[in-house]
Structure formats: structure tokens, C-alpha cells
Amino acid sequence: SGTYIPMGSDKYGSVSVRTSSGNDTIELTDVDDGPVQLVTGSGSDDVTINSSDMLSLDARLGSGDDQIGFGALNIVEGTLRLNGNSGVDTVHNLDDVDDGEVPQLISIELLT
């Protein structure tokens, strides 16, 4: 009743992940250069993005109590768009706060 999708250890260009309903777990690591799009169906999804320099990130998480965590994420030139849909959604900072490289939120767009 869910999908576990690990992606890492290699370099990717454009990445697009689409899942159906269920409690999905998606882990992206070392994704460089390309735009990334994540689209999940309904369910309480868990997304982790780490050590990535991507052009843009568009994460559309379906209805449910979703969690998305970022560590060492750099949006090179594009946009970061998060849409959690209905439910209680949580965004986590996975960076080590002791190293002084905590991401700074510049702007947020609320979609209604």
C-alpha cells in the first residue's frame, strides 16, 4: 500500500517521479543539473531530498499528512514549488544546524 523509491549515488539530468495512492517514500540524493518534478497520489507520503544541486523543484504531494525534508539542497536558477494539498503537511530542515549552512527561505507562494 505504498512505494519506496530510492534514487542516488549517480548523477541525473531531469528527474520526474509520479506515484499513485498509498503511503509512498521517496529519497533523492545527488541529483544534479536538471529540473525535478515529484507528483504523488493520496496518502501520507514521506519525501527526502539531500545533496542535490537542481535547476528547479516542483513537488506536488497528494492529499494526506505528507512530510518533506531537505538537506544540502541548492536550487541553482529556477524555483522551488511545494503543494501539499489537503492534510497536515510538514517541511523539515535536515541540515546540520552547527555548520552554519541552514537554508534561508526567501519567499513562499500559497496556492489556494
N, C-alpha and C. Protein backbone atom coordinates (compact mmCIF):
# COMPACT_ATOMS: atom_id res chain seq x y z
N SER A 1 0.83 -1.19 0.00
CA SER A 1 0.00 0.00 0.00
C SER A 1 0.86 1.24 0.00
N GLY A 2 1.99 1.18 -0.69
CA GLY A 2 2.87 2.33 -0.83
C GLY A 2 4.09 1.94 -1.62
N THR A 3 4.86 2.90 -2.02
CA THR A 3 6.03 2.67 -2.85
C THR A 3 7.24 3.30 -2.21
N TYR A 4 8.37 2.59 -2.20
CA TYR A 4 9.63 3.13 -1.73
C TYR A 4 10.51 3.32 -2.95
N ILE A 5 10.93 4.56 -3.21
CA ILE A 5 11.72 4.86 -4.39
C ILE A 5 13.00 5.56 -3.96
N PRO A 6 14.13 4.80 -3.90
CA PRO A 6 15.41 5.46 -3.61
C PRO A 6 16.09 5.85 -4.93
N MET A 7 16.63 7.04 -4.98
CA MET A 7 17.39 7.47 -6.15
C MET A 7 18.63 8.17 -5.64
N GLY A 8 19.79 7.69 -6.02
CA GLY A 8 21.01 8.34 -5.58
C GLY A 8 22.24 7.65 -6.08
N SER A 9 23.36 8.11 -5.58
CA SER A 9 24.68 7.58 -5.90
C SER A 9 25.10 7.84 -7.33
N ASP A 10 24.26 8.31 -8.17
CA ASP A 10 24.59 8.66 -9.54
C ASP A 10 24.11 10.08 -9.80
N LYS A 11 24.52 10.63 -10.91
CA LYS A 11 24.08 11.96 -11.31
C LYS A 11 22.97 11.79 -12.34
N TYR A 12 21.94 12.57 -12.22
CA TYR A 12 20.81 12.51 -13.13
C TYR A 12 20.64 13.87 -13.79
N GLY A 13 20.00 13.91 -14.92
CA GLY A 13 19.61 15.17 -15.52
C GLY A 13 18.22 15.50 -15.00
N SER A 14 17.25 15.47 -15.87
CA SER A 14 15.87 15.73 -15.49
C SER A 14 15.30 14.50 -14.77
N VAL A 15 14.61 14.73 -13.65
CA VAL A 15 14.00 13.64 -12.89
C VAL A 15 12.51 13.92 -12.74
N SER A 16 11.69 12.93 -13.07
CA SER A 16 10.26 13.02 -12.88
C SER A 16 9.78 11.74 -12.21
N VAL A 17 9.12 11.90 -11.04
CA VAL A 17 8.61 10.75 -10.30
C VAL A 17 7.11 10.96 -10.11
N ARG A 18 6.33 9.96 -10.47
CA ARG A 18 4.87 10.03 -10.32
C ARG A 18 4.41 8.73 -9.67
N THR A 19 3.69 8.84 -8.55
CA THR A 19 3.18 7.66 -7.87
C THR A 19 1.66 7.74 -7.77
N SER A 20 1.04 6.61 -7.46
CA SER A 20 -0.41 6.59 -7.26
C SER A 20 -0.70 6.65 -5.76
N SER A 21 -1.89 6.29 -5.37
CA SER A 21 -2.27 6.39 -3.96
C SER A 21 -1.48 5.39 -3.11
N GLY A 22 -1.34 5.71 -1.84
CA GLY A 22 -0.58 4.88 -0.91
C GLY A 22 0.39 5.76 -0.13
N ASN A 23 0.99 5.19 0.89
CA ASN A 23 1.96 5.92 1.72
C ASN A 23 3.34 5.73 1.10
N ASP A 24 3.72 6.61 0.20
CA ASP A 24 4.96 6.48 -0.57
C ASP A 24 6.14 7.11 0.15
N THR A 25 7.32 6.52 -0.03
CA THR A 25 8.58 7.06 0.47
C THR A 25 9.50 7.28 -0.71
N ILE A 26 9.95 8.53 -0.89
CA ILE A 26 10.84 8.88 -2.00
C ILE A 26 12.08 9.53 -1.41
N GLU A 27 13.26 9.01 -1.78
CA GLU A 27 14.52 9.58 -1.34
C GLU A 27 15.34 9.95 -2.56
N LEU A 28 15.69 11.24 -2.69
CA LEU A 28 16.53 11.71 -3.78
C LEU A 28 17.85 12.20 -3.21
N THR A 29 18.96 11.69 -3.74
CA THR A 29 20.29 12.07 -3.29
C THR A 29 21.19 12.24 -4.50
N ASP A 30 22.02 13.26 -4.49
CA ASP A 30 22.97 13.51 -5.58
C ASP A 30 22.29 13.69 -6.93
N VAL A 31 21.21 14.44 -6.95
CA VAL A 31 20.55 14.76 -8.21
C VAL A 31 21.09 16.11 -8.65
N ASP A 32 21.78 16.14 -9.79
CA ASP A 32 22.42 17.37 -10.25
C ASP A 32 21.91 17.79 -11.62
N ASP A 33 21.93 19.08 -11.82
CA ASP A 33 21.74 19.72 -13.12
C ASP A 33 20.30 19.89 -13.58
N GLY A 34 19.47 18.91 -13.54
CA GLY A 34 18.17 19.01 -14.18
C GLY A 34 17.06 19.48 -13.26
N PRO A 35 15.92 19.79 -13.85
CA PRO A 35 14.73 20.06 -13.05
C PRO A 35 14.18 18.76 -12.47
N VAL A 36 13.51 18.86 -11.33
CA VAL A 36 12.92 17.69 -10.67
C VAL A 36 11.44 17.95 -10.44
N GLN A 37 10.60 16.97 -10.81
CA GLN A 37 9.17 17.05 -10.56
C GLN A 37 8.75 15.79 -9.82
N LEU A 38 8.07 15.97 -8.69
CA LEU A 38 7.52 14.87 -7.91
C LEU A 38 6.01 15.06 -7.82
N VAL A 39 5.26 14.04 -8.19
CA VAL A 39 3.80 14.08 -8.09
C VAL A 39 3.36 12.79 -7.42
N THR A 40 2.75 12.91 -6.24
CA THR A 40 2.28 11.72 -5.53
C THR A 40 0.77 11.75 -5.43
N GLY A 41 0.19 10.57 -5.32
CA GLY A 41 -1.25 10.46 -5.14
C GLY A 41 -1.61 10.64 -3.67
N SER A 42 -2.83 10.32 -3.33
CA SER A 42 -3.28 10.46 -1.95
C SER A 42 -2.56 9.47 -1.05
N GLY A 43 -2.41 9.84 0.20
CA GLY A 43 -1.70 9.01 1.17
C GLY A 43 -0.72 9.87 1.94
N SER A 44 -0.20 9.37 3.02
CA SER A 44 0.76 10.10 3.84
C SER A 44 2.16 9.80 3.32
N ASP A 45 2.63 10.66 2.42
CA ASP A 45 3.90 10.43 1.74
C ASP A 45 5.06 11.04 2.52
N ASP A 46 6.24 10.44 2.36
CA ASP A 46 7.46 10.89 3.03
C ASP A 46 8.54 11.09 1.96
N VAL A 47 8.96 12.34 1.76
CA VAL A 47 9.92 12.69 0.72
C VAL A 47 11.17 13.27 1.38
N THR A 48 12.36 12.78 0.98
CA THR A 48 13.63 13.30 1.47
C THR A 48 14.50 13.67 0.28
N ILE A 49 15.03 14.89 0.29
CA ILE A 49 15.91 15.36 -0.78
C ILE A 49 17.20 15.83 -0.13
N ASN A 50 18.33 15.24 -0.56
CA ASN A 50 19.60 15.50 0.08
C ASN A 50 20.72 15.63 -0.95
N SER A 51 21.69 16.48 -0.67
CA SER A 51 22.89 16.63 -1.51
C SER A 51 22.56 16.79 -2.98
N SER A 52 21.79 17.79 -3.30
CA SER A 52 21.36 17.98 -4.68
C SER A 52 21.49 19.44 -5.11
N ASP A 53 21.99 19.64 -6.32
CA ASP A 53 22.03 20.95 -6.98
C ASP A 53 21.15 20.83 -8.22
N MET A 54 19.93 21.28 -8.12
CA MET A 54 18.99 21.12 -9.23
C MET A 54 18.54 22.47 -9.75
N LEU A 55 18.10 22.48 -11.00
CA LEU A 55 17.64 23.73 -11.59
C LEU A 55 16.34 24.20 -10.93
N SER A 56 15.42 23.29 -10.67
CA SER A 56 14.16 23.64 -10.03
C SER A 56 13.56 22.39 -9.40
N LEU A 57 12.64 22.61 -8.46
CA LEU A 57 11.93 21.51 -7.83
C LEU A 57 10.46 21.86 -7.77
N ASP A 58 9.63 20.97 -8.30
CA ASP A 58 8.18 21.11 -8.25
C ASP A 58 7.65 19.84 -7.58
N ALA A 59 7.26 19.95 -6.31
CA ALA A 59 6.75 18.80 -5.54
C ALA A 59 5.26 19.00 -5.30
N ARG A 60 4.46 18.13 -5.87
CA ARG A 60 3.01 18.17 -5.71
C ARG A 60 2.61 16.90 -4.98
N LEU A 61 2.43 17.03 -3.67
CA LEU A 61 2.10 15.88 -2.84
C LEU A 61 0.59 15.79 -2.71
N GLY A 62 0.05 14.61 -2.88
CA GLY A 62 -1.39 14.42 -2.84
C GLY A 62 -1.97 14.62 -1.45
N SER A 63 -3.27 14.51 -1.34
CA SER A 63 -3.93 14.69 -0.04
C SER A 63 -3.43 13.65 0.95
N GLY A 64 -3.33 14.05 2.19
CA GLY A 64 -2.81 13.19 3.25
C GLY A 64 -1.83 13.97 4.10
N ASP A 65 -1.34 13.36 5.16
CA ASP A 65 -0.41 14.02 6.07
C ASP A 65 1.02 13.76 5.58
N ASP A 66 1.47 14.59 4.64
CA ASP A 66 2.75 14.39 3.97
C ASP A 66 3.89 15.06 4.74
N GLN A 67 5.12 14.53 4.54
CA GLN A 67 6.32 15.12 5.10
C GLN A 67 7.35 15.24 3.99
N ILE A 68 8.04 16.38 3.95
CA ILE A 68 9.13 16.56 3.00
C ILE A 68 10.31 17.16 3.76
N GLY A 69 11.48 16.58 3.58
CA GLY A 69 12.68 17.03 4.27
C GLY A 69 13.77 17.38 3.30
N PHE A 70 14.51 18.46 3.60
CA PHE A 70 15.59 18.94 2.74
C PHE A 70 16.89 18.97 3.52
N GLY A 71 17.96 18.55 2.88
CA GLY A 71 19.30 18.68 3.42
C GLY A 71 20.26 18.92 2.28
N ALA A 72 21.09 19.93 2.39
CA ALA A 72 22.07 20.27 1.35
C ALA A 72 21.40 20.40 -0.02
N LEU A 73 20.32 21.14 -0.08
CA LEU A 73 19.60 21.36 -1.34
C LEU A 73 19.93 22.74 -1.87
N ASN A 74 20.28 22.82 -3.14
CA ASN A 74 20.58 24.09 -3.78
C ASN A 74 19.77 24.18 -5.06
N ILE A 75 18.87 25.17 -5.12
CA ILE A 75 18.12 25.44 -6.35
C ILE A 75 18.96 26.43 -7.14
N VAL A 76 19.54 25.96 -8.25
CA VAL A 76 20.57 26.72 -8.96
C VAL A 76 20.02 27.98 -9.61
N GLU A 77 18.95 27.87 -10.38
CA GLU A 77 18.46 29.06 -11.07
C GLU A 77 16.94 29.13 -11.19
N GLY A 78 16.25 28.09 -10.84
CA GLY A 78 14.81 28.05 -11.04
C GLY A 78 14.03 28.31 -9.76
N THR A 79 12.94 27.62 -9.60
CA THR A 79 12.03 27.85 -8.48
C THR A 79 11.86 26.59 -7.65
N LEU A 80 11.45 26.80 -6.43
CA LEU A 80 11.07 25.72 -5.52
C LEU A 80 9.58 25.88 -5.27
N ARG A 81 8.80 24.90 -5.70
CA ARG A 81 7.35 24.96 -5.50
C ARG A 81 6.90 23.71 -4.77
N LEU A 82 6.21 23.90 -3.64
CA LEU A 82 5.68 22.80 -2.84
C LEU A 82 4.17 22.96 -2.76
N ASN A 83 3.44 21.89 -3.05
CA ASN A 83 1.99 21.89 -2.93
C ASN A 83 1.62 20.62 -2.18
N GLY A 84 1.16 20.77 -0.94
CA GLY A 84 0.85 19.62 -0.11
C GLY A 84 -0.58 19.14 -0.19
N ASN A 85 -1.44 19.89 -0.86
CA ASN A 85 -2.87 19.56 -0.92
C ASN A 85 -3.45 19.42 0.49
N SER A 86 -4.59 18.77 0.63
CA SER A 86 -5.25 18.71 1.94
C SER A 86 -4.50 17.77 2.88
N GLY A 87 -4.66 18.02 4.17
CA GLY A 87 -3.98 17.23 5.20
C GLY A 87 -3.05 18.12 6.01
N VAL A 88 -2.40 17.54 7.00
CA VAL A 88 -1.43 18.26 7.81
C VAL A 88 -0.04 17.91 7.28
N ASP A 89 0.55 18.83 6.55
CA ASP A 89 1.83 18.59 5.89
C ASP A 89 2.96 19.26 6.66
N THR A 90 4.16 18.66 6.62
CA THR A 90 5.30 19.14 7.39
C THR A 90 6.52 19.26 6.50
N VAL A 91 7.26 20.38 6.65
CA VAL A 91 8.53 20.58 5.95
C VAL A 91 9.62 20.55 6.99
N HIS A 92 10.65 19.70 6.77
CA HIS A 92 11.77 19.55 7.71
C HIS A 92 13.06 20.05 7.08
N ASN A 93 13.91 20.68 7.92
CA ASN A 93 15.26 21.02 7.52
C ASN A 93 16.17 19.93 8.05
N LEU A 94 16.82 19.18 7.16
CA LEU A 94 17.66 18.07 7.56
C LEU A 94 19.12 18.46 7.72
N ASP A 95 19.46 19.72 7.41
CA ASP A 95 20.86 20.16 7.53
C ASP A 95 21.30 20.19 8.97
N ASP A 96 22.58 19.99 9.17
CA ASP A 96 23.21 20.12 10.48
C ASP A 96 23.29 21.60 10.81
N VAL A 97 22.54 22.05 11.79
CA VAL A 97 22.49 23.47 12.11
C VAL A 97 23.80 24.00 12.67
N ASP A 98 24.73 23.11 13.06
CA ASP A 98 26.01 23.56 13.61
C ASP A 98 26.98 24.03 12.54
N ASP A 99 26.76 23.67 11.27
CA ASP A 99 27.74 24.04 10.25
C ASP A 99 27.49 25.40 9.63
N GLY A 100 26.46 26.11 10.08
CA GLY A 100 26.19 27.46 9.60
C GLY A 100 25.62 27.54 8.21
N GLU A 101 25.18 26.43 7.63
CA GLU A 101 24.65 26.43 6.28
C GLU A 101 23.16 26.12 6.26
N VAL A 102 22.44 26.67 7.17
CA VAL A 102 20.99 26.45 7.23
C VAL A 102 20.33 27.18 6.07
N PRO A 103 19.47 26.50 5.29
CA PRO A 103 18.82 27.17 4.15
C PRO A 103 17.99 28.36 4.61
N GLN A 104 17.94 29.36 3.78
CA GLN A 104 17.16 30.55 4.07
C GLN A 104 15.93 30.57 3.16
N LEU A 105 14.76 30.73 3.76
CA LEU A 105 13.53 30.82 2.99
C LEU A 105 13.40 32.26 2.48
N ILE A 106 13.39 32.40 1.15
CA ILE A 106 13.33 33.72 0.55
C ILE A 106 11.88 34.13 0.29
N SER A 107 11.08 33.23 -0.24
CA SER A 107 9.68 33.56 -0.48
C SER A 107 8.87 32.27 -0.50
N ILE A 108 7.59 32.41 -0.29
CA ILE A 108 6.69 31.26 -0.33
C ILE A 108 5.42 31.68 -1.05
N GLU A 109 4.92 30.78 -1.87
CA GLU A 109 3.69 31.04 -2.62
C GLU A 109 2.62 30.11 -2.10
N LEU A 110 1.53 30.67 -1.60
CA LEU A 110 0.42 29.86 -1.10
C LEU A 110 -0.57 29.65 -2.23
N LEU A 111 -0.82 28.40 -2.56
CA LEU A 111 -1.75 28.06 -3.63
C LEU A 111 -3.10 27.75 -3.02
N THR A 112 -4.14 28.37 -3.50
CA THR A 112 -5.49 28.10 -2.99
C THR A 112 -6.37 27.55 -4.06
